[in-house]
Protein backbone atom coordinates (compact mmCIF):
# COMPACT_ATOMS: atom_id res chain seq x y z
CA MET A 1 2.76 -36.55 -15.18
CA THR A 2 3.11 -39.83 -13.37
CA THR A 3 2.57 -40.26 -9.66
CA GLN A 4 6.32 -40.77 -9.18
CA GLN A 5 7.09 -37.51 -11.03
CA LEU A 6 4.50 -35.72 -8.92
CA ILE A 7 6.02 -37.06 -5.70
CA ALA A 8 9.52 -36.05 -6.85
CA ALA A 9 8.31 -32.55 -7.79
CA THR A 10 6.58 -32.18 -4.41
CA LEU A 11 9.81 -33.13 -2.63
CA VAL A 12 11.81 -30.60 -4.67
CA TYR A 13 9.24 -27.90 -3.91
CA SER A 14 9.39 -28.88 -0.21
CA VAL A 15 13.12 -28.14 -0.22
CA ALA A 16 12.43 -24.80 -1.93
CA LEU A 17 9.76 -24.05 0.69
CA ALA A 18 12.22 -24.79 3.48
CA ALA A 19 14.75 -22.41 1.90
CA VAL A 20 12.17 -19.63 1.54
CA VAL A 21 11.05 -20.13 5.15
CA TYR A 22 14.67 -19.91 6.27
CA PHE A 23 15.29 -16.65 4.40
CA THR A 24 11.94 -14.92 5.04
CA ARG A 25 11.73 -15.91 8.73
CA PRO A 26 7.92 -15.86 8.95
CA THR A 27 6.11 -16.06 12.26
CA GLY A 28 3.80 -19.03 12.77
CA ARG A 29 0.84 -16.79 12.02
CA ARG A 30 2.44 -15.51 8.81
CA PHE A 31 3.24 -19.05 7.68
CA ALA A 32 -0.34 -20.11 8.46
CA GLY A 33 -1.56 -17.15 6.39
CA ALA A 34 0.65 -18.12 3.45
CA LEU A 35 -0.56 -21.71 3.73
CA ALA A 36 -4.20 -20.56 3.83
CA GLY A 37 -3.61 -18.35 0.78
CA ALA A 38 -2.05 -21.27 -1.10
CA VAL A 39 -4.88 -23.65 -0.16
CA VAL A 40 -7.52 -21.17 -1.38
CA VAL A 41 -5.70 -20.26 -4.60
CA ASP A 42 -4.90 -23.85 -5.52
CA GLY A 43 -8.48 -24.88 -4.84
CA LEU A 44 -9.76 -22.07 -7.07
CA GLY A 45 -7.27 -23.05 -9.73
CA LEU A 46 -8.06 -26.74 -9.74
CA TRP A 47 -11.82 -26.53 -9.38
CA ALA A 48 -12.69 -23.21 -11.02
CA LEU A 49 -9.99 -21.65 -13.24
CA ILE A 50 -8.81 -24.78 -15.03
CA PRO A 51 -12.35 -25.98 -15.84
CA PHE A 52 -13.40 -22.45 -16.91
CA GLY A 53 -10.46 -22.17 -19.31
CA GLU A 54 -11.22 -25.61 -20.70
CA VAL A 55 -14.86 -24.66 -21.34
CA GLN A 56 -13.68 -21.50 -23.11
CA GLY A 57 -11.23 -23.54 -25.20
CA TRP A 58 -8.14 -21.69 -23.98
CA TRP A 59 -6.35 -24.72 -22.56
CA SER A 60 -6.76 -28.36 -21.68
CA VAL A 61 -5.30 -29.93 -18.56
CA ARG A 62 -5.39 -33.70 -18.47
CA LEU A 63 -5.11 -34.88 -14.88
CA ASN A 64 -5.59 -38.38 -13.63
CA PRO A 65 -9.17 -38.38 -12.26
CA SER A 66 -8.42 -40.70 -9.33
CA PRO A 67 -8.95 -39.08 -5.90
CA SER A 68 -5.49 -40.09 -4.66
CA TYR A 69 -3.77 -38.49 -7.66
CA ARG A 70 -5.89 -35.32 -7.33
CA ALA A 71 -5.06 -35.09 -3.63
CA LEU A 72 -1.34 -35.52 -4.33
CA PHE A 73 -1.52 -32.94 -7.12
CA TYR A 74 -3.30 -30.51 -4.77
CA LEU A 75 -0.66 -31.10 -2.08
CA GLY A 76 2.14 -30.52 -4.59
CA THR A 77 0.64 -27.29 -5.90
CA THR A 78 0.04 -26.06 -2.37
CA VAL A 79 3.62 -26.79 -1.30
CA SER A 80 4.85 -24.94 -4.40
CA THR A 81 2.56 -21.94 -3.81
CA VAL A 82 3.26 -21.20 -0.13
CA PRO A 83 6.71 -19.70 -0.89
CA ILE A 84 5.12 -17.25 -3.33
CA PHE A 85 3.01 -15.69 -0.61
CA LEU A 86 5.89 -15.59 1.86
CA VAL A 87 7.83 -13.61 -0.76
CA THR A 88 4.88 -11.29 -1.54
CA TRP A 89 4.64 -10.63 2.20
CA ARG A 90 8.29 -9.56 2.27
CA ILE A 91 7.74 -7.40 -0.82
CA ALA A 92 4.69 -5.77 0.81
CA ARG A 93 6.65 -5.26 4.03
CA ARG A 94 9.55 -3.60 2.25
CA PHE A 95 7.89 -1.72 -0.63
CA GLY A 96 4.20 -1.49 0.32
CA TRP A 97 1.44 -1.46 -2.26
CA ARG A 98 3.79 -0.16 -4.95
CA GLY A 99 5.95 -3.25 -4.59
CA LEU A 100 2.90 -5.48 -4.87
CA ALA A 101 1.75 -3.57 -7.96
CA VAL A 102 5.13 -4.15 -9.62
CA THR A 103 4.98 -7.82 -8.58
CA PHE A 104 1.52 -8.19 -10.13
CA ALA A 105 2.73 -6.51 -13.33
CA VAL A 106 5.69 -8.89 -13.54
CA VAL A 107 3.37 -11.85 -12.96
CA ALA A 108 0.94 -10.61 -15.61
CA VAL A 109 3.76 -10.47 -18.16
CA GLY A 110 5.68 -13.56 -17.00
CA GLY A 111 2.80 -15.93 -16.27
CA PRO A 112 1.71 -16.73 -19.84
CA PRO A 113 5.23 -17.57 -21.11
CA ARG A 114 5.68 -19.83 -18.08
CA GLU A 115 2.48 -21.72 -18.84
CA ILE A 116 3.35 -21.97 -22.53
CA ALA A 117 6.76 -23.39 -21.57
CA VAL A 118 5.08 -25.94 -19.26
CA ALA A 119 2.71 -26.91 -22.10
CA SER A 120 5.64 -27.41 -24.46
CA LYS A 121 7.55 -29.46 -21.86
CA PHE A 122 4.55 -31.60 -20.81
CA PRO A 123 2.19 -31.79 -23.81
CA GLU A 124 0.66 -34.94 -22.36
CA LEU A 125 -0.48 -32.90 -19.35
CA VAL A 126 -1.28 -29.42 -20.70
CA THR A 127 -2.11 -27.94 -24.07
CA VAL A 128 -2.82 -24.29 -24.75
CA THR A 129 -4.65 -22.73 -27.66
CA PRO A 130 -2.65 -20.05 -29.45
CA GLY A 131 -4.12 -16.58 -29.39
CA ILE A 132 -4.44 -13.38 -27.45
CA ALA A 133 -7.51 -14.59 -25.53
CA MET A 134 -5.51 -17.40 -23.94
CA VAL A 135 -2.62 -15.07 -23.08
CA LEU A 136 -4.96 -12.49 -21.52
CA ALA A 137 -6.81 -15.22 -19.60
CA LEU A 138 -3.53 -16.52 -18.20
CA SER A 139 -2.42 -13.00 -17.24
CA VAL A 140 -5.68 -12.26 -15.47
CA GLY A 141 -5.61 -15.68 -13.81
CA TYR A 142 -2.08 -15.21 -12.51
CA VAL A 143 -2.71 -11.70 -11.18
CA GLY A 144 -6.02 -12.78 -9.66
CA ALA A 145 -4.41 -15.78 -7.99
CA PHE A 146 -1.60 -13.68 -6.55
CA ALA A 147 -4.04 -11.03 -5.33
CA VAL A 148 -6.47 -13.52 -3.77
CA GLY A 149 -3.68 -15.52 -2.12
CA HIS A 150 -1.99 -12.44 -0.74
CA GLY A 151 -5.37 -11.15 0.45
CA VAL A 152 -6.16 -14.40 2.27
CA MET A 153 -2.72 -14.34 3.86
CA ARG A 154 -3.33 -10.77 5.01
CA LEU A 155 -6.73 -11.74 6.47
CA VAL A 156 -5.17 -14.56 8.47
CA ALA A 157 -1.88 -12.91 9.48
CA GLY A 158 -2.56 -9.18 9.30
CA PRO A 159 -0.87 -6.49 7.23
CA ALA A 160 2.83 -6.86 6.47
CA LYS A 161 3.61 -3.40 7.84
CA GLU A 162 2.35 -4.48 11.28
CA SER A 163 4.66 -7.49 11.35
CA ARG A 164 7.30 -7.74 14.07
CA LEU A 165 9.85 -7.62 11.25
CA ALA A 166 8.30 -4.50 9.76
CA ARG A 167 10.68 -2.09 11.51
CA TRP A 168 13.96 -1.16 9.98
CA PRO A 169 16.92 -1.88 12.26
CA TRP A 170 17.73 1.81 12.69
CA GLU A 171 14.10 2.61 13.61
CA ALA A 172 14.21 0.01 16.38
CA ALA A 173 17.53 1.42 17.59
CA GLN A 174 16.16 4.97 17.62
CA SER A 175 12.97 4.11 19.48
CA GLY A 176 14.88 2.60 22.44
CA ALA A 177 17.89 4.94 22.43
CA ALA A 178 18.42 8.18 24.22
CA PRO A 179 17.96 11.36 22.16
CA GLY A 180 20.79 11.79 19.69
CA GLN A 181 21.80 8.15 19.94
CA GLY A 182 20.88 5.20 17.79
CA ARG A 183 21.02 6.91 14.42
CA LEU A 184 23.38 5.68 11.80
CA GLN A 185 26.44 7.85 11.42
CA ALA A 186 28.64 7.98 8.38
CA PHE A 187 31.75 8.74 10.42
CA PRO A 188 32.31 7.96 14.08
CA GLY A 189 32.13 11.09 16.17
CA SER A 190 30.15 13.10 13.61
């Protein structure tokens, strides 16, 4: 991937990040938590998971070794990862730990095909070794990355259920309404 392609991809992911921020409406603290989660996960990926997989022979990632390219690559991966944790926060807020468990299961199943597709699209950048070991390693890596990133976000920003957006609209209406008022009614006057 050339520097120009990397810059273009980072700009596209920046637009996607802006859209996710618009729709998830995170507080500043929640955004900072998602950013911290992305920084930690991308650092682990670039300096621990990728080299470990290469040593094991599961994949090979050929990145330009120059510091400026590595920094730009790190920025691009961070910008592309922040939206993931904003979405996992909304999932945790709405569905709790069960929603996160389903998310992790989907990631475990969907992560390896995504990486294989990337390797087929950019063989000059990534190659993967066929076999179950590589698929399992990718699954574990994806789930671990999602779990660590979401955990870091939770450490920085607190649990999703304690968020100011954690209440359902009808719960907020009931808490401030007089008895018998504020509940949703199917038919007016019922």
